[in-house]
Amino acid sequence: MTMPATPATPPDVLAVLVENHRRFLTFLERCVGSVDEAEDILQDAFVRSLDRADTVRDPGAIIPWFYRLLR
């Protein structure tokens, strides 16, 4: 019998986001063309993500979930 995935907690989400900070920043820099603007967007997205961390049902899905927030 397969056990359902344990939902991610805010500390799980934050740890994954911090580990992948450079990756997200590079993505945003390419989208907006400005390092300063990308940093502002990423900071706001980090804050929003902590408010919504309880919506992540699978810790393995944190990165794709965050990319959806960035778009």
C-alpha atoms as a PDB file:
ATOM      1  CA  MET A   1       0.000   0.000   0.000  1.00  0.00           C
ATOM      2  CA  THR A   2       1.369   3.426  -0.955  1.00  0.00           C
ATOM      3  CA  MET A   3       1.287   6.152   1.643  1.00  0.00           C
ATOM      4  CA  PRO A   4       0.104   9.578   0.497  1.00  0.00           C
ATOM      5  CA  ALA A   5       2.728  12.312   0.412  1.00  0.00           C
ATOM      6  CA  THR A   6       3.029  14.323   3.588  1.00  0.00           C
ATOM      7  CA  PRO A   7       2.150  17.963   2.909  1.00  0.00           C
ATOM      8  CA  ALA A   8       5.023  20.431   2.905  1.00  0.00           C
ATOM      9  CA  THR A   9       5.362  22.728   5.892  1.00  0.00           C
ATOM     10  CA  PRO A  10       6.427  26.390   5.733  1.00  0.00           C
ATOM     11  CA  PRO A  11       9.955  25.471   6.931  1.00  0.00           C
ATOM     12  CA  ASP A  12      10.173  22.845   4.140  1.00  0.00           C
ATOM     13  CA  VAL A  13       9.085  25.400   1.568  1.00  0.00           C
ATOM     14  CA  LEU A  14      11.466  28.068   2.840  1.00  0.00           C
ATOM     15  CA  ALA A  15      14.431  25.675   2.858  1.00  0.00           C
ATOM     16  CA  VAL A  16      13.835  24.636  -0.761  1.00  0.00           C
ATOM     17  CA  LEU A  17      13.330  28.235  -1.883  1.00  0.00           C
ATOM     18  CA  VAL A  18      16.529  29.429  -0.214  1.00  0.00           C
ATOM     19  CA  GLU A  19      18.492  26.508  -1.707  1.00  0.00           C
ATOM     20  CA  ASN A  20      17.231  27.490  -5.175  1.00  0.00           C
ATOM     21  CA  HIS A  21      17.431  31.280  -4.805  1.00  0.00           C
ATOM     22  CA  ARG A  22      19.998  31.754  -7.600  1.00  0.00           C
ATOM     23  CA  ARG A  23      17.975  29.580  -9.968  1.00  0.00           C
ATOM     24  CA  PHE A  24      14.812  31.624  -9.395  1.00  0.00           C
ATOM     25  CA  LEU A  25      16.668  34.922  -9.638  1.00  0.00           C
ATOM     26  CA  THR A  26      18.233  33.932 -12.962  1.00  0.00           C
ATOM     27  CA  PHE A  27      14.805  32.954 -14.292  1.00  0.00           C
ATOM     28  CA  LEU A  28      13.338  36.311 -13.284  1.00  0.00           C
ATOM     29  CA  GLU A  29      16.293  38.286 -14.652  1.00  0.00           C
ATOM     30  CA  ARG A  30      15.675  36.679 -18.031  1.00  0.00           C
ATOM     31  CA  CYS A  31      11.959  37.465 -17.840  1.00  0.00           C
ATOM     32  CA  VAL A  32      12.194  41.120 -16.779  1.00  0.00           C
ATOM     33  CA  GLY A  33      15.657  42.120 -18.001  1.00  0.00           C
ATOM     34  CA  SER A  34      16.681  43.826 -14.763  1.00  0.00           C
ATOM     35  CA  VAL A  35      18.553  42.412 -11.777  1.00  0.00           C
ATOM     36  CA  ASP A  36      17.031  44.963  -9.388  1.00  0.00           C
ATOM     37  CA  GLU A  37      13.488  44.300 -10.552  1.00  0.00           C
ATOM     38  CA  ALA A  38      14.068  40.537 -10.444  1.00  0.00           C
ATOM     39  CA  GLU A  39      15.291  40.794  -6.834  1.00  0.00           C
ATOM     40  CA  ASP A  40      12.197  42.805  -5.843  1.00  0.00           C
ATOM     41  CA  ILE A  41       9.862  40.324  -7.508  1.00  0.00           C
ATOM     42  CA  LEU A  42      11.639  37.371  -5.908  1.00  0.00           C
ATOM     43  CA  GLN A  43      11.510  38.913  -2.447  1.00  0.00           C
ATOM     44  CA  ASP A  44       7.767  39.554  -2.779  1.00  0.00           C
ATOM     45  CA  ALA A  45       7.232  36.025  -4.082  1.00  0.00           C
ATOM     46  CA  PHE A  46       9.128  34.517  -1.124  1.00  0.00           C
ATOM     47  CA  VAL A  47       6.811  36.358   1.284  1.00  0.00           C
ATOM     48  CA  ARG A  48       3.678  35.303  -0.639  1.00  0.00           C
ATOM     49  CA  SER A  49       4.895  31.715  -0.793  1.00  0.00           C
ATOM     50  CA  LEU A  50       5.109  31.465   2.982  1.00  0.00           C
ATOM     51  CA  ASP A  51       1.485  32.609   3.226  1.00  0.00           C
ATOM     52  CA  ARG A  52       0.506  29.878   0.756  1.00  0.00           C
ATOM     53  CA  ALA A  53       2.903  27.120   1.830  1.00  0.00           C
ATOM     54  CA  ASP A  54       0.039  25.032   3.175  1.00  0.00           C
ATOM     55  CA  THR A  55      -1.224  24.545  -0.399  1.00  0.00           C
ATOM     56  CA  VAL A  56       1.820  22.426  -1.313  1.00  0.00           C
ATOM     57  CA  ARG A  57       0.712  18.822  -0.935  1.00  0.00           C
ATOM     58  CA  ASP A  58       3.948  17.179  -2.045  1.00  0.00           C
ATOM     59  CA  PRO A  59       7.362  18.462  -0.893  1.00  0.00           C
ATOM     60  CA  GLY A  60       8.781  17.248  -4.212  1.00  0.00           C
ATOM     61  CA  ALA A  61       6.539  19.750  -5.994  1.00  0.00           C
ATOM     62  CA  ILE A  62       7.798  22.884  -4.228  1.00  0.00           C
ATOM     63  CA  ILE A  63       9.981  24.088  -7.111  1.00  0.00           C
ATOM     64  CA  PRO A  64       7.309  23.790  -9.851  1.00  0.00           C
ATOM     65  CA  TRP A  65       4.753  25.280  -7.442  1.00  0.00           C
ATOM     66  CA  PHE A  66       7.008  28.297  -6.867  1.00  0.00           C
ATOM     67  CA  TYR A  67       7.606  28.799 -10.593  1.00  0.00           C
ATOM     68  CA  ARG A  68       3.815  29.010 -10.996  1.00  0.00           C
ATOM     69  CA  LEU A  69       3.796  31.732  -8.333  1.00  0.00           C
ATOM     70  CA  LEU A  70       6.504  33.634 -10.206  1.00  0.00           C
ATOM     71  CA  ARG A  71       4.527  33.640 -13.445  1.00  0.00           C
END
